[in-house]
PDB file of N, CA and C in Angstrom:
ATOM      1  N   MET A   1     179.932  21.859  67.540  1.00  0.00           N
ATOM      2  CA  MET A   1     180.843  22.944  67.846  1.00  0.00           C
ATOM      3  C   MET A   1     182.046  22.839  66.929  1.00  0.00           C
ATOM      4  N   LYS A   2     182.380  23.887  66.250  1.00  0.00           N
ATOM      5  CA  LYS A   2     183.556  23.921  65.402  1.00  0.00           C
ATOM      6  C   LYS A   2     184.757  24.255  66.273  1.00  0.00           C
ATOM      7  N   ALA A   3     185.821  23.535  66.072  1.00  0.00           N
ATOM      8  CA  ALA A   3     187.050  23.809  66.812  1.00  0.00           C
ATOM      9  C   ALA A   3     188.219  23.683  65.858  1.00  0.00           C
ATOM     10  N   ASP A   4     189.141  24.597  65.973  1.00  0.00           N
ATOM     11  CA  ASP A   4     190.336  24.569  65.157  1.00  0.00           C
ATOM     12  C   ASP A   4     191.424  23.862  65.962  1.00  0.00           C
ATOM     13  N   ILE A   5     191.612  22.595  65.704  1.00  0.00           N
ATOM     14  CA  ILE A   5     192.618  21.827  66.419  1.00  0.00           C
ATOM     15  C   ILE A   5     193.874  21.804  65.551  1.00  0.00           C
ATOM     16  N   THR A   6     194.930  22.412  66.048  1.00  0.00           N
ATOM     17  CA  THR A   6     196.142  22.528  65.248  1.00  0.00           C
ATOM     18  C   THR A   6     197.026  21.299  65.325  1.00  0.00           C
ATOM     19  N   GLY A   7     196.888  20.508  66.384  1.00  0.00           N
ATOM     20  CA  GLY A   7     197.709  19.321  66.510  1.00  0.00           C
ATOM     21  C   GLY A   7     199.119  19.596  66.997  1.00  0.00           C
ATOM     22  N   ASN A   8     199.453  20.854  67.239  1.00  0.00           N
ATOM     23  CA  ASN A   8     200.803  21.180  67.690  1.00  0.00           C
ATOM     24  C   ASN A   8     200.841  21.565  69.164  1.00  0.00           C
ATOM     25  N   GLY A   9     199.842  21.156  69.916  1.00  0.00           N
ATOM     26  CA  GLY A   9     199.808  21.480  71.331  1.00  0.00           C
ATOM     27  C   GLY A   9     199.164  22.820  71.635  1.00  0.00           C
ATOM     28  N   ALA A  10     198.810  23.555  70.604  1.00  0.00           N
ATOM     29  CA  ALA A  10     198.154  24.849  70.807  1.00  0.00           C
ATOM     30  C   ALA A  10     196.713  24.611  71.235  1.00  0.00           C
ATOM     31  N   PRO A  11     196.162  25.526  72.031  1.00  0.00           N
ATOM     32  CA  PRO A  11     194.769  25.352  72.458  1.00  0.00           C
ATOM     33  C   PRO A  11     193.806  25.458  71.277  1.00  0.00           C
ATOM     34  N   LYS A  12     192.653  24.796  71.405  1.00  0.00           N
ATOM     35  CA  LYS A  12     191.654  24.882  70.340  1.00  0.00           C
ATOM     36  C   LYS A  12     191.022  26.270  70.365  1.00  0.00           C
ATOM     37  N   THR A  13     190.477  26.662  69.235  1.00  0.00           N
ATOM     38  CA  THR A  13     189.827  27.958  69.100  1.00  0.00           C
ATOM     39  C   THR A  13     188.355  27.737  68.787  1.00  0.00           C
ATOM     40  N   VAL A  14     187.487  28.437  69.511  1.00  0.00           N
ATOM     41  CA  VAL A  14     186.046  28.369  69.259  1.00  0.00           C
ATOM     42  C   VAL A  14     185.524  29.783  69.049  1.00  0.00           C
ATOM     43  N   ASN A  15     184.499  29.913  68.210  1.00  0.00           N
ATOM     44  CA  ASN A  15     183.930  31.243  68.016  1.00  0.00           C
ATOM     45  C   ASN A  15     182.974  31.560  69.170  1.00  0.00           C
ATOM     46  N   ILE A  16     182.604  32.808  69.302  1.00  0.00           N
ATOM     47  CA  ILE A  16     181.781  33.253  70.427  1.00  0.00           C
ATOM     48  C   ILE A  16     180.456  32.504  70.480  1.00  0.00           C
ATOM     49  N   HIS A  17     179.809  32.332  69.341  1.00  0.00           N
ATOM     50  CA  HIS A  17     178.520  31.637  69.318  1.00  0.00           C
ATOM     51  C   HIS A  17     178.655  30.212  69.855  1.00  0.00           C
ATOM     52  N   ASP A  18     179.664  29.483  69.367  1.00  0.00           N
ATOM     53  CA  ASP A  18     179.869  28.116  69.840  1.00  0.00           C
ATOM     54  C   ASP A  18     180.255  28.089  71.316  1.00  0.00           C
ATOM     55  N   ALA A  19     181.017  29.079  71.758  1.00  0.00           N
ATOM     56  CA  ALA A  19     181.393  29.139  73.175  1.00  0.00           C
ATOM     57  C   ALA A  19     180.155  29.323  74.046  1.00  0.00           C
ATOM     58  N   LYS A  20     179.231  30.178  73.606  1.00  0.00           N
ATOM     59  CA  LYS A  20     177.983  30.368  74.362  1.00  0.00           C
ATOM     60  C   LYS A  20     177.163  29.079  74.388  1.00  0.00           C
ATOM     61  N   THR A  21     177.064  28.443  73.233  1.00  0.00           N
ATOM     62  CA  THR A  21     176.255  27.235  73.107  1.00  0.00           C
ATOM     63  C   THR A  21     176.811  26.078  73.929  1.00  0.00           C
ATOM     64  N   HIS A  22     178.123  25.959  73.994  1.00  0.00           N
ATOM     65  CA  HIS A  22     178.767  24.813  74.640  1.00  0.00           C
ATOM     66  C   HIS A  22     179.581  25.222  75.866  1.00  0.00           C
ATOM     67  N   LEU A  23     179.168  26.290  76.529  1.00  0.00           N
ATOM     68  CA  LEU A  23     179.955  26.825  77.637  1.00  0.00           C
ATOM     69  C   LEU A  23     180.202  25.796  78.738  1.00  0.00           C
ATOM     70  N   SER A  24     179.182  25.050  79.131  1.00  0.00           N
ATOM     71  CA  SER A  24     179.354  24.055  80.201  1.00  0.00           C
ATOM     72  C   SER A  24     180.424  23.033  79.845  1.00  0.00           C
ATOM     73  N   GLN A  25     180.390  22.526  78.623  1.00  0.00           N
ATOM     74  CA  GLN A  25     181.378  21.538  78.189  1.00  0.00           C
ATOM     75  C   GLN A  25     182.776  22.153  78.134  1.00  0.00           C
ATOM     76  N   LEU A  26     182.878  23.375  77.631  1.00  0.00           N
ATOM     77  CA  LEU A  26     184.179  24.037  77.552  1.00  0.00           C
ATOM     78  C   LEU A  26     184.760  24.290  78.941  1.00  0.00           C
ATOM     79  N   ILE A  27     183.908  24.681  79.884  1.00  0.00           N
ATOM     80  CA  ILE A  27     184.372  24.906  81.254  1.00  0.00           C
ATOM     81  C   ILE A  27     184.868  23.595  81.860  1.00  0.00           C
ATOM     82  N   LEU A  28     184.144  22.517  81.616  1.00  0.00           N
ATOM     83  CA  LEU A  28     184.572  21.211  82.116  1.00  0.00           C
ATOM     84  C   LEU A  28     185.943  20.846  81.546  1.00  0.00           C
ATOM     85  N   GLU A  29     186.112  21.020  80.245  1.00  0.00           N
ATOM     86  CA  GLU A  29     187.393  20.707  79.607  1.00  0.00           C
ATOM     87  C   GLU A  29     188.514  21.575  80.172  1.00  0.00           C
ATOM     88  N   ALA A  30     188.245  22.865  80.348  1.00  0.00           N
ATOM     89  CA  ALA A  30     189.262  23.769  80.893  1.00  0.00           C
ATOM     90  C   ALA A  30     189.630  23.375  82.316  1.00  0.00           C
ATOM     91  N   SER A  31     188.636  22.980  83.100  1.00  0.00           N
ATOM     92  CA  SER A  31     188.916  22.593  84.487  1.00  0.00           C
ATOM     93  C   SER A  31     189.758  21.325  84.557  1.00  0.00           C
ATOM     94  N   GLN A  32     189.775  20.562  83.472  1.00  0.00           N
ATOM     95  CA  GLN A  32     190.582  19.341  83.407  1.00  0.00           C
ATOM     96  C   GLN A  32     191.926  19.583  82.728  1.00  0.00           C
ATOM     97  N   GLY A  33     192.248  20.852  82.475  1.00  0.00           N
ATOM     98  CA  GLY A  33     193.563  21.192  81.945  1.00  0.00           C
ATOM     99  C   GLY A  33     193.631  21.552  80.482  1.00  0.00           C
ATOM    100  N   SER A  34     192.521  21.496  79.749  1.00  0.00           N
ATOM    101  CA  SER A  34     192.530  21.849  78.328  1.00  0.00           C
ATOM    102  C   SER A  34     192.119  23.304  78.161  1.00  0.00           C
ATOM    103  N   SER A  35     193.064  24.151  77.813  1.00  0.00           N
ATOM    104  CA  SER A  35     192.723  25.555  77.601  1.00  0.00           C
ATOM    105  C   SER A  35     192.104  25.724  76.214  1.00  0.00           C
ATOM    106  N   PHE A  36     191.422  26.840  76.007  1.00  0.00           N
ATOM    107  CA  PHE A  36     190.860  27.136  74.693  1.00  0.00           C
ATOM    108  C   PHE A  36     190.836  28.639  74.480  1.00  0.00           C
ATOM    109  N   ILE A  37     190.703  29.025  73.230  1.00  0.00           N
ATOM    110  CA  ILE A  37     190.673  30.437  72.844  1.00  0.00           C
ATOM    111  C   ILE A  37     189.306  30.738  72.259  1.00  0.00           C
ATOM    112  N   ILE A  38     188.741  31.872  72.661  1.00  0.00           N
ATOM    113  CA  ILE A  38     187.478  32.334  72.081  1.00  0.00           C
ATOM    114  C   ILE A  38     187.825  33.426  71.077  1.00  0.00           C
ATOM    115  N   ALA A  39     187.312  33.254  69.858  1.00  0.00           N
ATOM    116  CA  ALA A  39     187.597  34.193  68.778  1.00  0.00           C
ATOM    117  C   ALA A  39     186.321  34.901  68.338  1.00  0.00           C
ATOM    118  N   LYS A  40     186.487  36.110  67.844  1.00  0.00           N
ATOM    119  CA  LYS A  40     185.381  36.889  67.275  1.00  0.00           C
ATOM    120  C   LYS A  40     185.770  37.225  65.846  1.00  0.00           C
ATOM    121  N   ALA A  41     184.949  36.784  64.912  1.00  0.00           N
ATOM    122  CA  ALA A  41     185.218  36.990  63.484  1.00  0.00           C
ATOM    123  C   ALA A  41     186.603  36.456  63.107  1.00  0.00           C
ATOM    124  N   GLY A  42     186.969  35.318  63.711  1.00  0.00           N
ATOM    125  CA  GLY A  42     188.242  34.691  63.405  1.00  0.00           C
ATOM    126  C   GLY A  42     189.441  35.272  64.126  1.00  0.00           C
ATOM    127  N   LYS A  43     189.237  36.341  64.888  1.00  0.00           N
ATOM    128  CA  LYS A  43     190.339  36.989  65.601  1.00  0.00           C
ATOM    129  C   LYS A  43     190.335  36.528  67.062  1.00  0.00           C
ATOM    130  N   PRO A  44     191.433  35.921  67.531  1.00  0.00           N
ATOM    131  CA  PRO A  44     191.489  35.488  68.931  1.00  0.00           C
ATOM    132  C   PRO A  44     191.266  36.663  69.877  1.00  0.00           C
ATOM    133  N   MET A  45     190.377  36.462  70.848  1.00  0.00           N
ATOM    134  CA  MET A  45     190.043  37.535  71.786  1.00  0.00           C
ATOM    135  C   MET A  45     190.508  37.225  73.210  1.00  0.00           C
ATOM    136  N   VAL A  46     190.232  35.996  73.695  1.00  0.00           N
ATOM    137  CA  VAL A  46     190.607  35.618  75.058  1.00  0.00           C
ATOM    138  C   VAL A  46     191.050  34.163  75.090  1.00  0.00           C
ATOM    139  N   LYS A  47     191.896  33.852  76.069  1.00  0.00           N
ATOM    140  CA  LYS A  47     192.305  32.473  76.315  1.00  0.00           C
ATOM    141  C   LYS A  47     191.730  32.071  77.663  1.00  0.00           C
ATOM    142  N   VAL A  48     191.086  30.917  77.711  1.00  0.00           N
ATOM    143  CA  VAL A  48     190.480  30.421  78.943  1.00  0.00           C
ATOM    144  C   VAL A  48     191.303  29.230  79.432  1.00  0.00           C
ATOM    145  N   ILE A  49     191.758  29.327  80.690  1.00  0.00           N
ATOM    146  CA  ILE A  49     192.505  28.235  81.311  1.00  0.00           C
ATOM    147  C   ILE A  49     191.934  27.976  82.694  1.00  0.00           C
ATOM    148  N   SER A  50     192.223  26.822  83.228  1.00  0.00           N
ATOM    149  CA  SER A  50     191.790  26.482  84.577  1.00  0.00           C
ATOM    150  C   SER A  50     192.475  27.394  85.580  1.00  0.00           C
ATOM    151  N   ILE A  51     191.765  27.743  86.619  1.00  0.00           N
ATOM    152  CA  ILE A  51     192.335  28.573  87.677  1.00  0.00           C
ATOM    153  C   ILE A  51     193.499  27.855  88.352  1.00  0.00           C
ATOM    154  N   ASN A  52     193.491  26.528  88.310  1.00  0.00           N
ATOM    155  CA  ASN A  52     194.558  25.732  88.912  1.00  0.00           C
ATOM    156  C   ASN A  52     195.755  25.556  87.993  1.00  0.00           C
ATOM    157  N   GLN A  53     195.644  26.012  86.770  1.00  0.00           N
ATOM    158  CA  GLN A  53     196.704  25.860  85.778  1.00  0.00           C
ATOM    159  C   GLN A  53     197.528  27.137  85.725  1.00  0.00           C
ATOM    160  N   GLU A  54     198.207  27.429  86.818  1.00  0.00           N
ATOM    161  CA  GLU A  54     198.994  28.650  86.891  1.00  0.00           C
ATOM    162  C   GLU A  54     200.292  28.480  86.123  1.00  0.00           C
ATOM    163  N   SER A  55     200.823  29.584  85.701  1.00  0.00           N
ATOM    164  CA  SER A  55     202.100  29.575  85.011  1.00  0.00           C
ATOM    165  C   SER A  55     203.192  29.162  85.992  1.00  0.00           C
ATOM    166  N   LYS A  56     203.974  28.179  85.610  1.00  0.00           N
ATOM    167  CA  LYS A  56     205.050  27.700  86.462  1.00  0.00           C
ATOM    168  C   LYS A  56     206.378  28.142  85.870  1.00  0.00           C
ATOM    169  N   PRO A  57     207.328  28.491  86.721  1.00  0.00           N
ATOM    170  CA  PRO A  57     208.635  28.865  86.187  1.00  0.00           C
ATOM    171  C   PRO A  57     209.263  27.683  85.452  1.00  0.00           C
ATOM    172  N   ARG A  58     209.890  27.965  84.353  1.00  0.00           N
ATOM    173  CA  ARG A  58     210.511  26.906  83.558  1.00  0.00           C
ATOM    174  C   ARG A  58     211.990  26.807  83.921  1.00  0.00           C
ATOM    175  N   THR A  59     212.266  26.275  85.094  1.00  0.00           N
ATOM    176  CA  THR A  59     213.646  26.139  85.527  1.00  0.00           C
ATOM    177  C   THR A  59     214.347  25.093  84.683  1.00  0.00           C
ATOM    178  N   GLY A  60     215.599  25.333  84.442  1.00  0.00           N
ATOM    179  CA  GLY A  60     216.382  24.402  83.650  1.00  0.00           C
ATOM    180  C   GLY A  60     216.204  24.557  82.158  1.00  0.00           C
ATOM    181  N   MET A  61     215.432  25.545  81.756  1.00  0.00           N
ATOM    182  CA  MET A  61     215.118  25.740  80.351  1.00  0.00           C
ATOM    183  C   MET A  61     216.376  26.045  79.517  1.00  0.00           C
ATOM    184  N   LEU A  62     217.375  26.693  80.112  1.00  0.00           N
ATOM    185  CA  LEU A  62     218.591  27.054  79.386  1.00  0.00           C
ATOM    186  C   LEU A  62     219.794  26.248  79.865  1.00  0.00           C
ATOM    187  N   THR A  63     219.536  25.079  80.423  1.00  0.00           N
ATOM    188  CA  THR A  63     220.586  24.305  81.069  1.00  0.00           C
ATOM    189  C   THR A  63     221.815  24.104  80.192  1.00  0.00           C
ATOM    190  N   ASN A  64     221.741  23.694  79.025  1.00  0.00           N
ATOM    191  CA  ASN A  64     222.944  23.452  78.227  1.00  0.00           C
ATOM    192  C   ASN A  64     223.252  24.571  77.248  1.00  0.00           C
ATOM    193  N   VAL A  65     222.652  25.726  77.455  1.00  0.00           N
ATOM    194  CA  VAL A  65     222.881  26.854  76.564  1.00  0.00           C
ATOM    195  C   VAL A  65     224.070  27.682  77.026  1.00  0.00           C
ATOM    196  N   PHE A  66     224.164  27.956  78.316  1.00  0.00           N
ATOM    197  CA  PHE A  66     225.311  28.665  78.865  1.00  0.00           C
ATOM    198  C   PHE A  66     225.483  28.264  80.317  1.00  0.00           C
ATOM    199  N   SER A  67     226.653  28.570  80.860  1.00  0.00           N
ATOM    200  CA  SER A  67     226.902  28.216  82.259  1.00  0.00           C
ATOM    201  C   SER A  67     227.237  29.477  83.042  1.00  0.00           C
ATOM    202  N   VAL A  68     226.935  29.433  84.310  1.00  0.00           N
ATOM    203  CA  VAL A  68     227.226  30.540  85.216  1.00  0.00           C
ATOM    204  C   VAL A  68     228.325  30.061  86.152  1.00  0.00           C
ATOM    205  N   PRO A  69     229.461  30.760  86.174  1.00  0.00           N
ATOM    206  CA  PRO A  69     230.548  30.324  87.051  1.00  0.00           C
ATOM    207  C   PRO A  69     230.163  30.455  88.523  1.00  0.00           C
ATOM    208  N   ASN A  70     230.716  29.579  89.344  1.00  0.00           N
ATOM    209  CA  ASN A  70     230.433  29.619  90.777  1.00  0.00           C
ATOM    210  C   ASN A  70     230.877  30.931  91.414  1.00  0.00           C
ATOM    211  N   ASP A  71     231.918  31.546  90.868  1.00  0.00           N
ATOM    212  CA  ASP A  71     232.434  32.803  91.423  1.00  0.00           C
ATOM    213  C   ASP A  71     232.007  34.004  90.570  1.00  0.00           C
ATOM    214  N   ILE A  72     230.779  34.029  90.148  1.00  0.00           N
ATOM    215  CA  ILE A  72     230.295  35.085  89.250  1.00  0.00           C
ATOM    216  C   ILE A  72     230.488  36.481  89.837  1.00  0.00           C
ATOM    217  N   ASP A  73     230.363  36.607  91.159  1.00  0.00           N
ATOM    218  CA  ASP A  73     230.536  37.918  91.788  1.00  0.00           C
ATOM    219  C   ASP A  73     231.969  38.420  91.706  1.00  0.00           C
ATOM    220  N   ALA A  74     232.942  37.525  91.582  1.00  0.00           N
ATOM    221  CA  ALA A  74     234.347  37.924  91.557  1.00  0.00           C
ATOM    222  C   ALA A  74     234.634  38.864  90.389  1.00  0.00           C
ATOM    223  N   ALA A  75     234.022  38.634  89.268  1.00  0.00           N
ATOM    224  CA  ALA A  75     234.255  39.477  88.097  1.00  0.00           C
ATOM    225  C   ALA A  75     233.751  40.900  88.300  1.00  0.00           C
ATOM    226  N   PHE A  76     232.817  41.076  89.216  1.00  0.00           N
ATOM    227  CA  PHE A  76     232.218  42.388  89.441  1.00  0.00           C
ATOM    228  C   PHE A  76     232.501  42.922  90.841  1.00  0.00           C
ATOM    229  N   GLN A  77     233.525  42.393  91.488  1.00  0.00           N
ATOM    230  CA  GLN A  77     233.807  42.748  92.876  1.00  0.00           C
ATOM    231  C   GLN A  77     233.991  44.252  93.059  1.00  0.00           C
ATOM    232  N   ASP A  78     234.739  44.904  92.172  1.00  0.00           N
ATOM    233  CA  ASP A  78     234.969  46.353  92.298  1.00  0.00           C
ATOM    234  C   ASP A  78     233.660  47.131  92.213  1.00  0.00           C
ATOM    235  N   GLU A  79     232.801  46.769  91.265  1.00  0.00           N
ATOM    236  CA  GLU A  79     231.522  47.456  91.114  1.00  0.00           C
ATOM    237  C   GLU A  79     230.615  47.225  92.320  1.00  0.00           C
ATOM    238  N   ILE A  80     230.621  46.012  92.839  1.00  0.00           N
ATOM    239  CA  ILE A  80     229.791  45.688  94.005  1.00  0.00           C
ATOM    240  C   ILE A  80     230.246  46.492  95.211  1.00  0.00           C
ATOM    241  N   GLU A  81     231.564  46.560  95.424  1.00  0.00           N
ATOM    242  CA  GLU A  81     232.089  47.335  96.552  1.00  0.00           C
ATOM    243  C   GLU A  81     231.785  48.817  96.390  1.00  0.00           C
ATOM    244  N   ALA A  82     231.851  49.327  95.166  1.00  0.00           N
ATOM    245  CA  ALA A  82     231.551  50.743  94.927  1.00  0.00           C
ATOM    246  C   ALA A  82     230.084  51.045  95.215  1.00  0.00           C
ATOM    247  N   MET A  83     229.213  50.104  94.917  1.00  0.00           N
ATOM    248  CA  MET A  83     227.783  50.320  95.136  1.00  0.00           C
ATOM    249  C   MET A  83     227.387  50.173  96.599  1.00  0.00           C
ATOM    250  N   PHE A  84     227.978  49.195  97.281  1.00  0.00           N
ATOM    251  CA  PHE A  84     227.523  48.864  98.628  1.00  0.00           C
ATOM    252  C   PHE A  84     228.579  49.061  99.706  1.00  0.00           C
ATOM    253  N   GLY A  85     229.755  49.454  99.328  1.00  0.00           N
ATOM    254  CA  GLY A  85     230.822  49.633 100.313  1.00  0.00           C
ATOM    255  C   GLY A  85     231.525  48.321 100.592  1.00  0.00           C
ATOM    256  N   ALA A  86     232.728  48.436 101.109  1.00  0.00           N
ATOM    257  CA  ALA A  86     233.532  47.228 101.360  1.00  0.00           C
ATOM    258  C   ALA A  86     233.204  46.610 102.687  1.00  0.00           C
TER     259      ALA A  86
END
């Protein structure tokens, strides 16, 4: 099976023929957390991931990029009161 392993954490890419030939092995790998991409004529078509590998929110991703003041609503108090009443 030919696989394009980029080494940068990106999923491997397999062509449709190889995916058909090695489907059982690819499913096993995906179920263990290794996603892969099926390509047709070199063009990525689908990404296969484990059903248990759901997208998780990336909390803390912008932690040191900016801060939110504790009194954030204070700056918009007039607008909030206009929208919802005092």
